[in-house]
Amino acid sequence: MLIRNIVDNAVRYSRRGGCVRVTTARDGPIARLVVTDEGPGVAPADRHALGQRFHRIAASGETGTGLGLSIVKRVAELHSATVRFEDGPAGRGLAVVVEFPAGAELAGQ
């Protein structure tokens, strides 16, 4: 649900013909998921509202209920993960970064 909602938003808001990239990495005890798009992005001053229930970006032209990122934040919370929003690559688009604490079963790998 978390990945589907992030990717769905990235596809919706990316420029036509743009690229949506999904990457994963492990950094010590942290497992990281990053989804980036090539859309208009979200100004840093407006990112605090991303993930609030029913929040829609004004004049986006997209349909929906504004629940996608709030679901992402709730699912992340249930898994002790954090969600943050950053500039996309080269300052274009948006990057959604989800960091999960690696479970004990991963610690020995």
Protein backbone atom coordinates (compact mmCIF):
# COMPACT_ATOMS: atom_id res chain seq x y z
CA MET A 1 0.00 0.00 0.00
CA LEU A 2 2.81 2.39 0.93
CA ILE A 3 4.79 1.82 -2.28
CA ARG A 4 1.69 1.80 -4.48
CA ASN A 5 0.52 5.17 -3.15
CA ILE A 6 3.93 6.82 -3.46
CA VAL A 7 4.45 5.52 -7.00
CA ASP A 8 0.89 6.46 -8.01
CA ASN A 9 1.51 10.05 -6.86
CA ALA A 10 4.86 10.17 -8.63
CA VAL A 11 3.29 9.02 -11.90
CA ARG A 12 0.40 11.48 -11.57
CA TYR A 13 2.59 14.48 -10.87
CA SER A 14 5.59 13.69 -13.07
CA ARG A 15 5.84 15.50 -16.39
CA ARG A 16 4.41 13.73 -19.42
CA GLY A 17 7.08 11.30 -20.65
CA GLY A 18 9.02 11.83 -17.43
CA CYS A 19 10.78 9.20 -15.38
CA VAL A 20 9.69 7.82 -12.02
CA ARG A 21 12.53 6.08 -10.22
CA VAL A 22 12.21 3.66 -7.31
CA THR A 23 15.40 2.78 -5.44
CA THR A 24 16.22 0.90 -2.27
CA ALA A 25 19.35 0.89 -0.19
CA ARG A 26 20.64 -0.21 3.15
CA ASP A 27 22.67 2.16 5.30
CA GLY A 28 23.73 0.36 8.46
CA PRO A 29 20.58 -0.30 10.48
CA ILE A 30 18.36 1.67 8.07
CA ALA A 31 16.55 0.31 5.01
CA ARG A 32 15.70 3.17 2.65
CA LEU A 33 13.10 3.45 -0.12
CA VAL A 34 13.27 6.50 -2.39
CA VAL A 35 10.75 7.36 -5.11
CA THR A 36 11.56 10.33 -7.33
CA ASP A 37 9.64 11.98 -10.13
CA GLU A 38 10.25 14.71 -12.70
CA GLY A 39 7.19 16.81 -11.95
CA PRO A 40 7.03 20.41 -10.78
CA GLY A 41 7.98 19.40 -7.23
CA VAL A 42 6.68 20.95 -4.04
CA ALA A 43 8.21 24.06 -2.51
CA PRO A 44 10.04 23.31 0.75
CA ALA A 45 7.71 25.70 2.61
CA ASP A 46 4.68 23.66 1.45
CA ARG A 47 6.02 20.17 2.18
CA HIS A 48 4.81 20.21 5.80
CA ALA A 49 1.24 19.72 4.50
CA LEU A 50 2.10 16.65 2.42
CA GLY A 51 0.68 13.62 4.17
CA GLN A 52 -2.15 15.49 5.84
CA ARG A 53 -5.54 13.92 5.21
CA PHE A 54 -7.47 15.42 2.29
CA HIS A 55 -4.60 17.76 1.37
CA ARG A 56 -4.50 18.47 -2.37
CA ILE A 57 -1.93 20.56 -4.19
CA ALA A 58 -3.74 23.61 -5.52
CA ALA A 59 -4.11 23.86 -9.29
CA SER A 60 -2.55 20.44 -9.86
CA GLY A 61 -5.35 19.35 -12.16
CA GLU A 62 -5.24 15.86 -10.65
CA THR A 63 -8.23 14.02 -9.28
CA GLY A 64 -8.34 12.12 -6.03
CA THR A 65 -9.26 12.41 -2.40
CA GLY A 66 -5.98 13.65 -0.98
CA LEU A 67 -5.54 10.54 1.15
CA GLY A 68 -2.64 8.82 -0.64
CA LEU A 69 0.26 10.34 1.27
CA SER A 70 -1.63 10.30 4.57
CA ILE A 71 -1.98 6.53 4.10
CA VAL A 72 1.74 6.36 3.34
CA LYS A 73 2.56 8.19 6.56
CA ARG A 74 0.27 5.94 8.61
CA VAL A 75 1.67 2.71 7.14
CA ALA A 76 5.19 4.02 7.76
CA GLU A 77 4.28 4.85 11.35
CA LEU A 78 2.94 1.32 11.89
CA HIS A 79 6.36 0.00 10.82
CA SER A 80 8.38 2.52 12.86
CA ALA A 81 9.49 4.16 9.62
CA THR A 82 9.88 7.85 8.80
CA VAL A 83 8.76 9.69 5.67
CA ARG A 84 10.33 12.87 4.37
CA PHE A 85 10.00 14.92 1.19
CA GLU A 86 13.00 16.36 -0.63
CA ASP A 87 13.92 17.88 -3.96
CA GLY A 88 14.18 15.37 -6.77
CA PRO A 89 17.42 14.75 -8.67
CA ALA A 90 19.09 17.91 -10.00
CA GLY A 91 16.47 19.97 -8.13
CA ARG A 92 13.62 18.79 -10.38
CA GLY A 93 10.52 17.01 -9.09
CA LEU A 94 10.02 15.48 -5.69
CA ALA A 95 11.73 12.69 -3.81
CA VAL A 96 9.79 10.74 -1.20
CA VAL A 97 12.18 9.06 1.22
CA VAL A 98 10.97 6.32 3.57
CA GLU A 99 13.42 4.95 6.12
CA PHE A 100 12.73 1.73 7.99
CA PRO A 101 14.75 0.46 10.93
CA ALA A 102 16.21 -2.83 9.74
CA GLY A 103 14.81 -5.78 11.66
CA ALA A 104 16.97 -8.02 13.80
CA GLU A 105 16.80 -10.69 11.10
CA LEU A 106 18.60 -8.32 8.74
CA ALA A 107 21.30 -7.27 11.18
CA GLY A 108 23.51 -10.27 10.46
CA GLN A 109 23.40 -9.95 6.66
